N, C-alpha and C. Protein backbone atom coordinates (compact mmCIF):
# COMPACT_ATOMS: atom_id res chain seq x y z
N MET A 1 103.35 130.43 102.18
CA MET A 1 102.21 130.71 103.04
C MET A 1 101.78 129.40 103.70
N THR A 2 101.62 129.41 104.98
CA THR A 2 101.21 128.22 105.72
C THR A 2 99.71 128.28 105.94
N LEU A 3 99.03 127.22 105.55
CA LEU A 3 97.58 127.13 105.70
C LEU A 3 97.24 126.00 106.65
N GLN A 4 96.00 125.98 107.09
CA GLN A 4 95.54 124.89 107.94
C GLN A 4 95.40 123.62 107.09
N TRP A 5 95.69 122.49 107.69
CA TRP A 5 95.47 121.21 107.01
C TRP A 5 93.97 121.03 106.86
N PHE A 6 93.52 120.61 105.70
CA PHE A 6 92.09 120.46 105.47
C PHE A 6 91.54 119.31 106.30
N SER A 7 90.30 119.47 106.73
CA SER A 7 89.70 118.50 107.66
C SER A 7 89.34 117.18 106.97
N ASP A 8 89.06 117.21 105.69
CA ASP A 8 88.70 115.99 104.97
C ASP A 8 89.97 115.38 104.37
N LEU A 9 90.49 114.35 105.04
CA LEU A 9 91.73 113.72 104.57
C LEU A 9 91.57 113.10 103.19
N ASN A 10 90.35 112.76 102.82
CA ASN A 10 90.13 112.21 101.49
C ASN A 10 90.49 113.21 100.40
N MET A 11 90.47 114.49 100.73
CA MET A 11 90.83 115.51 99.74
C MET A 11 92.27 115.32 99.27
N SER A 12 93.17 114.97 100.20
CA SER A 12 94.57 114.79 99.81
C SER A 12 94.71 113.56 98.91
N ILE A 13 93.98 112.50 99.22
CA ILE A 13 94.02 111.29 98.38
C ILE A 13 93.46 111.61 97.00
N LYS A 14 92.34 112.31 96.97
CA LYS A 14 91.72 112.68 95.69
C LYS A 14 92.64 113.59 94.88
N HIS A 15 93.31 114.51 95.53
CA HIS A 15 94.19 115.44 94.83
C HIS A 15 95.37 114.70 94.19
N ILE A 16 96.00 113.79 94.93
CA ILE A 16 97.12 113.02 94.38
C ILE A 16 96.62 112.14 93.24
N ASP A 17 95.47 111.51 93.42
CA ASP A 17 94.89 110.68 92.37
C ASP A 17 94.62 111.52 91.12
N TYR A 18 94.10 112.71 91.31
CA TYR A 18 93.83 113.62 90.20
C TYR A 18 95.12 113.96 89.44
N LEU A 19 96.17 114.32 90.17
CA LEU A 19 97.44 114.65 89.52
C LEU A 19 98.00 113.47 88.73
N ILE A 20 97.88 112.28 89.29
CA ILE A 20 98.38 111.08 88.61
C ILE A 20 97.59 110.84 87.32
N ARG A 21 96.26 110.97 87.39
CA ARG A 21 95.44 110.72 86.20
C ARG A 21 95.63 111.80 85.13
N VAL A 22 95.59 113.06 85.53
CA VAL A 22 95.71 114.17 84.57
C VAL A 22 97.05 114.14 83.84
N HIS A 23 98.10 113.82 84.56
CA HIS A 23 99.44 113.83 83.96
C HIS A 23 99.86 112.46 83.44
N LYS A 24 98.91 111.50 83.48
CA LYS A 24 99.15 110.15 82.95
C LYS A 24 100.42 109.51 83.52
N LEU A 25 100.55 109.60 84.83
CA LEU A 25 101.70 109.00 85.53
C LEU A 25 101.40 107.53 85.82
N PRO A 26 102.45 106.73 86.02
CA PRO A 26 102.20 105.32 86.38
C PRO A 26 101.44 105.23 87.70
N LEU A 27 100.57 104.24 87.81
CA LEU A 27 99.87 104.05 89.07
C LEU A 27 100.89 103.73 90.16
N PRO A 28 100.82 104.43 91.28
CA PRO A 28 101.85 104.24 92.31
C PRO A 28 101.67 102.97 93.13
N THR A 29 102.79 102.47 93.62
CA THR A 29 102.81 101.38 94.58
C THR A 29 102.86 102.01 95.96
N PRO A 30 101.97 101.64 96.89
CA PRO A 30 101.99 102.24 98.23
C PRO A 30 103.24 101.81 99.01
N VAL A 31 103.92 102.78 99.61
CA VAL A 31 105.13 102.52 100.41
C VAL A 31 105.15 103.46 101.61
N ASP A 32 106.09 103.23 102.51
CA ASP A 32 106.35 104.13 103.63
C ASP A 32 106.92 105.44 103.10
N VAL A 33 106.71 106.52 103.84
CA VAL A 33 107.12 107.85 103.39
C VAL A 33 108.62 107.92 103.06
N TYR A 34 109.45 107.19 103.79
CA TYR A 34 110.89 107.26 103.55
C TYR A 34 111.36 106.31 102.44
N GLN A 35 110.41 105.61 101.81
CA GLN A 35 110.74 104.73 100.69
C GLN A 35 110.17 105.26 99.38
N ALA A 36 109.56 106.43 99.40
CA ALA A 36 108.97 107.01 98.20
C ALA A 36 110.06 107.25 97.17
N ARG A 37 109.73 107.00 95.90
CA ARG A 37 110.73 107.19 94.86
C ARG A 37 110.07 107.22 93.49
N VAL A 38 110.84 107.74 92.54
CA VAL A 38 110.47 107.74 91.13
C VAL A 38 111.51 106.90 90.42
N GLU A 39 111.06 106.00 89.57
CA GLU A 39 112.00 105.19 88.78
C GLU A 39 111.90 105.64 87.33
N TRP A 40 113.06 105.92 86.76
CA TRP A 40 113.10 106.43 85.39
C TRP A 40 113.53 105.35 84.41
N GLY A 41 112.90 105.38 83.25
CA GLY A 41 113.35 104.58 82.12
C GLY A 41 114.28 105.46 81.29
N VAL A 42 114.39 105.18 80.04
CA VAL A 42 115.28 105.95 79.17
C VAL A 42 114.78 107.39 79.02
N THR A 43 113.48 107.58 78.81
CA THR A 43 112.97 108.92 78.56
C THR A 43 111.82 109.35 79.46
N GLN A 44 111.32 108.48 80.31
CA GLN A 44 110.17 108.87 81.13
C GLN A 44 110.11 108.07 82.43
N CYS A 45 109.24 108.54 83.30
CA CYS A 45 108.99 107.83 84.56
C CYS A 45 108.31 106.50 84.26
N VAL A 46 108.84 105.42 84.80
CA VAL A 46 108.25 104.10 84.56
C VAL A 46 107.62 103.49 85.82
N ALA A 47 107.95 104.01 86.99
CA ALA A 47 107.35 103.51 88.23
C ALA A 47 107.34 104.62 89.27
N LEU A 48 106.35 104.59 90.12
CA LEU A 48 106.16 105.61 91.13
C LEU A 48 105.77 104.92 92.43
N ASP A 49 106.57 105.08 93.47
CA ASP A 49 106.27 104.52 94.78
C ASP A 49 105.94 105.68 95.72
N LEU A 50 104.71 105.70 96.24
CA LEU A 50 104.25 106.81 97.07
C LEU A 50 103.54 106.29 98.31
N PRO A 51 103.62 107.04 99.42
CA PRO A 51 102.79 106.69 100.58
C PRO A 51 101.33 107.07 100.28
N ILE A 52 100.40 106.47 100.97
CA ILE A 52 99.01 106.90 100.86
C ILE A 52 98.91 108.22 101.62
N PRO A 53 98.47 109.30 100.97
CA PRO A 53 98.55 110.64 101.58
C PRO A 53 97.50 110.93 102.64
N THR A 54 97.59 110.25 103.76
CA THR A 54 96.60 110.41 104.84
C THR A 54 97.06 111.35 105.94
N THR A 55 98.28 111.87 105.84
CA THR A 55 98.77 112.86 106.80
C THR A 55 99.41 114.00 106.00
N PRO A 56 99.61 115.14 106.62
CA PRO A 56 100.26 116.23 105.91
C PRO A 56 101.65 115.85 105.36
N VAL A 57 102.44 115.13 106.13
CA VAL A 57 103.79 114.75 105.69
C VAL A 57 103.71 113.79 104.49
N LYS A 58 102.81 112.83 104.54
CA LYS A 58 102.68 111.89 103.43
C LYS A 58 102.17 112.60 102.18
N TYR A 59 101.28 113.54 102.35
CA TYR A 59 100.78 114.35 101.23
C TYR A 59 101.92 115.16 100.62
N ALA A 60 102.71 115.81 101.46
CA ALA A 60 103.86 116.58 100.97
C ALA A 60 104.84 115.69 100.23
N CYS A 61 105.08 114.51 100.76
CA CYS A 61 106.00 113.55 100.13
C CYS A 61 105.49 113.18 98.74
N CYS A 62 104.20 112.89 98.62
CA CYS A 62 103.62 112.54 97.32
C CYS A 62 103.79 113.68 96.32
N LEU A 63 103.45 114.88 96.75
CA LEU A 63 103.59 116.04 95.87
C LEU A 63 105.04 116.23 95.45
N HIS A 64 105.95 116.07 96.39
CA HIS A 64 107.38 116.22 96.10
C HIS A 64 107.84 115.22 95.04
N GLU A 65 107.47 113.96 95.20
CA GLU A 65 107.89 112.94 94.23
C GLU A 65 107.28 113.20 92.85
N ILE A 66 106.02 113.62 92.83
CA ILE A 66 105.40 113.97 91.54
C ILE A 66 106.10 115.19 90.95
N GLY A 67 106.53 116.11 91.81
CA GLY A 67 107.28 117.27 91.36
C GLY A 67 108.58 116.89 90.66
N HIS A 68 109.20 115.80 91.10
CA HIS A 68 110.41 115.33 90.41
C HIS A 68 110.11 114.97 88.96
N ILE A 69 108.89 114.58 88.67
CA ILE A 69 108.52 114.18 87.31
C ILE A 69 108.06 115.39 86.50
N LEU A 70 107.20 116.20 87.08
CA LEU A 70 106.53 117.26 86.32
C LEU A 70 107.29 118.58 86.27
N GLU A 71 108.14 118.84 87.23
CA GLU A 71 108.95 120.07 87.22
C GLU A 71 110.21 119.80 86.40
N PRO A 72 110.45 120.56 85.33
CA PRO A 72 111.63 120.30 84.49
C PRO A 72 112.95 120.21 85.26
N ASP A 73 113.16 121.06 86.24
CA ASP A 73 114.40 120.99 87.02
C ASP A 73 114.37 119.87 88.06
N GLY A 74 113.26 119.17 88.18
CA GLY A 74 113.13 118.10 89.16
C GLY A 74 113.79 116.80 88.76
N HIS A 75 114.22 116.70 87.50
CA HIS A 75 114.85 115.46 87.03
C HIS A 75 116.05 115.75 86.12
N LEU A 76 116.89 116.66 86.56
CA LEU A 76 118.05 117.07 85.76
C LEU A 76 119.00 115.92 85.45
N ARG A 77 119.16 115.00 86.41
CA ARG A 77 120.10 113.89 86.18
C ARG A 77 119.71 113.07 84.95
N TYR A 78 118.43 112.98 84.69
CA TYR A 78 117.97 112.19 83.55
C TYR A 78 118.03 112.99 82.26
N THR A 79 117.98 114.32 82.39
CA THR A 79 118.14 115.20 81.23
C THR A 79 119.61 115.25 80.82
N ILE A 80 120.49 115.31 81.81
CA ILE A 80 121.93 115.39 81.57
C ILE A 80 122.47 114.07 81.03
N GLY A 81 121.92 112.97 81.54
CA GLY A 81 122.31 111.64 81.07
C GLY A 81 123.74 111.28 81.41
N THR A 82 124.45 110.72 80.46
CA THR A 82 125.79 110.17 80.71
C THR A 82 126.81 111.24 81.07
N ARG A 83 126.55 112.49 80.73
CA ARG A 83 127.49 113.56 81.10
C ARG A 83 127.64 113.68 82.61
N LEU A 84 126.63 113.22 83.34
CA LEU A 84 126.69 113.27 84.80
C LEU A 84 127.90 112.51 85.33
N TYR A 85 128.25 111.41 84.69
CA TYR A 85 129.37 110.59 85.15
C TYR A 85 130.71 111.29 84.99
N LEU A 86 130.75 112.29 84.15
CA LEU A 86 131.99 113.03 83.93
C LEU A 86 132.15 114.19 84.90
N MET A 87 131.12 114.49 85.66
CA MET A 87 131.15 115.65 86.57
C MET A 87 131.85 115.33 87.87
N SER A 88 132.33 116.39 88.50
CA SER A 88 132.93 116.24 89.83
C SER A 88 131.83 115.92 90.84
N LEU A 89 132.23 115.36 91.98
CA LEU A 89 131.28 115.06 93.04
C LEU A 89 130.55 116.32 93.49
N HIS A 90 131.28 117.42 93.60
CA HIS A 90 130.70 118.70 94.01
C HIS A 90 129.60 119.12 93.03
N ASP A 91 129.86 119.00 91.72
CA ASP A 91 128.87 119.39 90.72
C ASP A 91 127.66 118.46 90.74
N LYS A 92 127.87 117.18 91.01
CA LYS A 92 126.75 116.24 91.11
C LYS A 92 125.84 116.61 92.27
N TRP A 93 126.44 116.95 93.41
CA TRP A 93 125.64 117.38 94.56
C TRP A 93 124.83 118.62 94.20
N ASP A 94 125.43 119.57 93.47
CA ASP A 94 124.71 120.78 93.07
C ASP A 94 123.48 120.44 92.24
N ILE A 95 123.62 119.49 91.33
CA ILE A 95 122.50 119.09 90.48
C ILE A 95 121.41 118.42 91.32
N ILE A 96 121.80 117.52 92.20
CA ILE A 96 120.82 116.82 93.03
C ILE A 96 120.09 117.81 93.94
N ILE A 97 120.82 118.75 94.51
CA ILE A 97 120.18 119.75 95.37
C ILE A 97 119.22 120.61 94.56
N LYS A 98 119.61 120.98 93.35
CA LYS A 98 118.71 121.77 92.49
C LYS A 98 117.43 120.98 92.19
N GLU A 99 117.57 119.67 91.93
CA GLU A 99 116.40 118.81 91.69
C GLU A 99 115.49 118.80 92.92
N GLU A 100 116.09 118.60 94.08
CA GLU A 100 115.30 118.51 95.32
C GLU A 100 114.58 119.83 95.59
N GLU A 101 115.29 120.93 95.47
CA GLU A 101 114.66 122.24 95.70
C GLU A 101 113.53 122.49 94.71
N ALA A 102 113.73 122.11 93.45
CA ALA A 102 112.70 122.30 92.42
C ALA A 102 111.47 121.46 92.73
N ALA A 103 111.68 120.21 93.14
CA ALA A 103 110.55 119.33 93.45
C ALA A 103 109.77 119.85 94.66
N TRP A 104 110.48 120.37 95.66
CA TRP A 104 109.79 120.93 96.83
C TRP A 104 109.05 122.21 96.46
N LYS A 105 109.63 123.04 95.62
CA LYS A 105 108.95 124.27 95.20
C LYS A 105 107.66 123.92 94.45
N TRP A 106 107.75 122.91 93.57
CA TRP A 106 106.58 122.47 92.83
C TRP A 106 105.52 121.96 93.81
N ALA A 107 105.93 121.17 94.79
CA ALA A 107 105.00 120.61 95.78
C ALA A 107 104.26 121.71 96.52
N ARG A 108 104.99 122.72 96.96
CA ARG A 108 104.36 123.83 97.69
C ARG A 108 103.34 124.55 96.81
N LYS A 109 103.71 124.75 95.56
CA LYS A 109 102.83 125.48 94.64
C LYS A 109 101.54 124.69 94.35
N GLN A 110 101.62 123.38 94.28
CA GLN A 110 100.48 122.54 93.93
C GLN A 110 99.61 122.15 95.12
N ALA A 111 100.15 122.26 96.32
CA ALA A 111 99.44 121.79 97.51
C ALA A 111 98.13 122.53 97.74
N LEU A 112 97.13 121.80 98.18
CA LEU A 112 95.87 122.41 98.57
C LEU A 112 96.03 123.19 99.87
N ALA A 113 96.98 122.76 100.68
CA ALA A 113 97.32 123.42 101.94
C ALA A 113 98.77 123.06 102.26
N TRP A 114 99.46 123.93 102.99
CA TRP A 114 100.85 123.66 103.39
C TRP A 114 100.98 123.99 104.87
N THR A 115 101.25 122.99 105.68
CA THR A 115 101.28 123.17 107.13
C THR A 115 102.71 123.30 107.65
N SER A 116 102.82 123.67 108.90
CA SER A 116 104.15 123.76 109.52
C SER A 116 104.81 122.38 109.58
N GLU A 117 104.00 121.32 109.75
CA GLU A 117 104.54 119.96 109.77
C GLU A 117 105.14 119.61 108.40
N MET A 118 104.47 120.02 107.33
CA MET A 118 104.98 119.78 105.98
C MET A 118 106.26 120.58 105.74
N GLU A 119 106.26 121.80 106.24
CA GLU A 119 107.44 122.65 106.10
C GLU A 119 108.63 122.06 106.84
N GLU A 120 108.40 121.54 108.04
CA GLU A 120 109.48 120.90 108.80
C GLU A 120 110.02 119.67 108.08
N PHE A 121 109.13 118.89 107.47
CA PHE A 121 109.55 117.71 106.72
C PHE A 121 110.39 118.12 105.51
N GLU A 122 109.95 119.15 104.80
CA GLU A 122 110.71 119.66 103.66
C GLU A 122 112.11 120.10 104.11
N ARG A 123 112.17 120.86 105.18
CA ARG A 123 113.45 121.36 105.70
C ARG A 123 114.37 120.20 106.11
N PHE A 124 113.81 119.19 106.78
CA PHE A 124 114.58 118.02 107.17
C PHE A 124 115.16 117.32 105.94
N CYS A 125 114.31 117.10 104.94
CA CYS A 125 114.77 116.41 103.73
C CYS A 125 115.87 117.19 103.02
N LEU A 126 115.67 118.48 102.84
CA LEU A 126 116.68 119.30 102.15
C LEU A 126 117.99 119.34 102.94
N THR A 127 117.88 119.38 104.25
CA THR A 127 119.09 119.43 105.09
C THR A 127 119.95 118.20 104.88
N THR A 128 119.33 117.04 104.65
CA THR A 128 120.13 115.83 104.43
C THR A 128 121.00 115.98 103.17
N TYR A 129 120.48 116.65 102.16
CA TYR A 129 121.26 116.87 100.93
C TYR A 129 122.33 117.94 101.16
N TYR A 130 121.97 119.02 101.85
CA TYR A 130 122.97 120.07 102.12
C TYR A 130 124.13 119.50 102.94
N GLU A 131 123.80 118.67 103.93
CA GLU A 131 124.84 118.05 104.76
C GLU A 131 125.68 117.06 103.96
N GLY A 132 125.03 116.31 103.09
CA GLY A 132 125.77 115.37 102.24
C GLY A 132 126.79 116.08 101.38
N LYS A 133 126.40 117.21 100.82
CA LYS A 133 127.33 117.99 99.99
C LYS A 133 128.46 118.55 100.87
N ARG A 134 128.07 119.12 102.02
CA ARG A 134 129.07 119.73 102.90
C ARG A 134 130.13 118.72 103.34
N LYS A 135 129.69 117.49 103.61
CA LYS A 135 130.61 116.46 104.08
C LYS A 135 131.30 115.72 102.93
N GLY A 136 130.92 116.06 101.70
CA GLY A 136 131.52 115.38 100.54
C GLY A 136 131.12 113.93 100.44
N GLY A 137 129.90 113.64 100.89
CA GLY A 137 129.42 112.26 100.89
C GLY A 137 129.27 111.66 99.51
N ARG A 138 129.26 110.34 99.48
CA ARG A 138 129.10 109.62 98.22
C ARG A 138 127.65 109.69 97.76
N LEU A 139 127.47 109.59 96.47
CA LEU A 139 126.12 109.59 95.90
C LEU A 139 125.73 108.20 95.49
């Protein structure tokens, strides 16, 4: 369901801050939207790089990255561990795509609003993974 972006941009900042505090996630380092990432230690997230969520796309990006941590299917590579190295390239792409789809699904479910701009960003991001698999790209 596509909703209007809320008029108070501080709501998106407060919402991301709330999710970080409630789930006891590492305090994020502010970065550009295309540099957002989650860094994993042996058993948990140890660093979180997120944009400041002042636009719908940056808000979606933050939710997506948090989804990689909180959605069980959002971090399969870390659950699978060393067995990942034994998998074929095709199977690795399948796992990464499943992680990405799970993180985006979590983001949509948690969002206070979901706009067409956020949907376009999600589609763009997922397409990069679908194309990577189709072309047999390196991981």
